[in-house]
Protein backbone atom coordinates (compact mmCIF):
# COMPACT_ATOMS: atom_id res chain seq x y z
CA MET A 1 19.63 -8.90 -1.41
CA LEU A 2 18.71 -9.30 -5.38
CA ALA A 3 17.30 -12.53 -4.79
CA THR A 4 15.14 -11.31 -1.77
CA ALA A 5 13.91 -8.27 -4.00
CA LEU A 6 13.02 -10.47 -6.77
CA VAL A 7 11.13 -12.93 -4.64
CA LEU A 8 9.09 -10.22 -2.90
CA TYR A 9 8.40 -8.62 -6.43
CA THR A 10 7.09 -11.88 -7.84
CA LEU A 11 5.05 -12.43 -4.60
CA GLY A 12 3.47 -8.82 -4.94
CA ASN A 13 2.64 -9.34 -8.60
CA LEU A 14 0.86 -12.76 -7.94
CA SER A 15 -1.12 -11.39 -4.85
CA MET A 16 -2.14 -8.39 -7.37
CA ILE A 17 -3.37 -10.96 -9.81
CA ALA A 18 -5.39 -12.83 -7.15
CA LEU A 19 -6.78 -9.58 -5.79
CA MET A 20 -7.75 -8.31 -9.51
CA ARG A 21 -9.77 -11.70 -10.24
CA THR A 22 -11.78 -11.61 -6.71
CA SER A 23 -12.54 -7.77 -6.65
CA GLY A 24 -11.74 -6.04 -9.77
CA LEU A 25 -9.14 -3.78 -11.19
CA SER A 26 -10.27 -0.50 -9.43
CA LEU A 27 -10.27 -1.93 -6.06
CA ALA A 28 -7.10 -3.84 -6.55
CA ILE A 29 -5.15 -0.71 -7.74
CA SER A 30 -6.65 1.43 -4.93
CA LEU A 31 -5.46 -1.07 -2.30
CA SER A 32 -1.95 -1.38 -3.85
CA SER A 33 -1.60 2.47 -4.24
CA VAL A 34 -2.54 2.68 -0.15
CA ALA A 35 -0.45 -0.26 0.68
CA GLN A 36 2.38 1.50 -0.90
CA LEU A 37 1.88 4.64 0.60
CA ILE A 38 1.80 3.04 4.17
CA ALA A 39 4.81 0.93 3.49
CA ILE A 40 6.93 4.02 2.29
CA ASN A 41 5.89 6.09 5.13
CA ALA A 42 6.54 3.30 7.73
CA ILE A 43 10.16 2.82 6.18
CA ALA A 44 10.75 6.60 6.16
CA VAL A 45 9.65 6.72 9.73
CA LEU A 46 11.29 3.65 11.03
CA VAL A 47 14.43 3.47 9.08
CA PHE A 48 15.15 7.04 8.23
CA ASP A 49 13.90 8.66 11.23
CA GLU A 50 11.62 11.04 9.32
CA ARG A 51 8.90 12.69 10.87
CA LEU A 52 5.20 12.87 9.57
CA GLY A 53 3.89 16.43 9.38
CA TRP A 54 0.31 16.76 10.07
CA HIS A 55 -0.41 17.15 6.47
CA GLN A 56 1.18 13.98 5.65
CA GLY A 57 -0.50 12.09 8.53
CA VAL A 58 -4.01 13.31 7.46
CA GLY A 59 -3.10 12.01 4.08
CA VAL A 60 -2.29 8.73 4.95
CA LEU A 61 -5.44 8.41 7.34
CA LEU A 62 -7.58 9.65 4.34
CA GLY A 63 -6.02 7.07 2.15
CA ILE A 64 -6.82 4.44 4.49
CA ALA A 65 -10.28 5.58 5.15
CA SER A 66 -11.13 5.74 1.36
CA VAL A 67 -9.82 2.13 0.77
CA THR A 68 -11.69 0.98 3.85
CA LEU A 69 -15.08 2.77 2.38
CA MET A 70 -14.29 1.28 -0.73
CA VAL A 71 -14.05 -2.18 0.85
CA ILE A 72 -17.24 -1.77 2.86
CA GLY A 73 -19.39 -0.39 0.28
């Protein structure tokens, strides 16, 4: 389990370095934040049987929309 976590952590850091080189720090951090938001909510819903309220659902959608607008424009 520890080795898997270490490999995933290393791959995440290497992908962040590549993303920062190509698109800049601000976009890379924003993409990372929204990716973490989506991953954490997906784990909460799928693994722990949590339910997102409408406030949380709107927050996730706004996060996705904001990063999409940043990438487009």
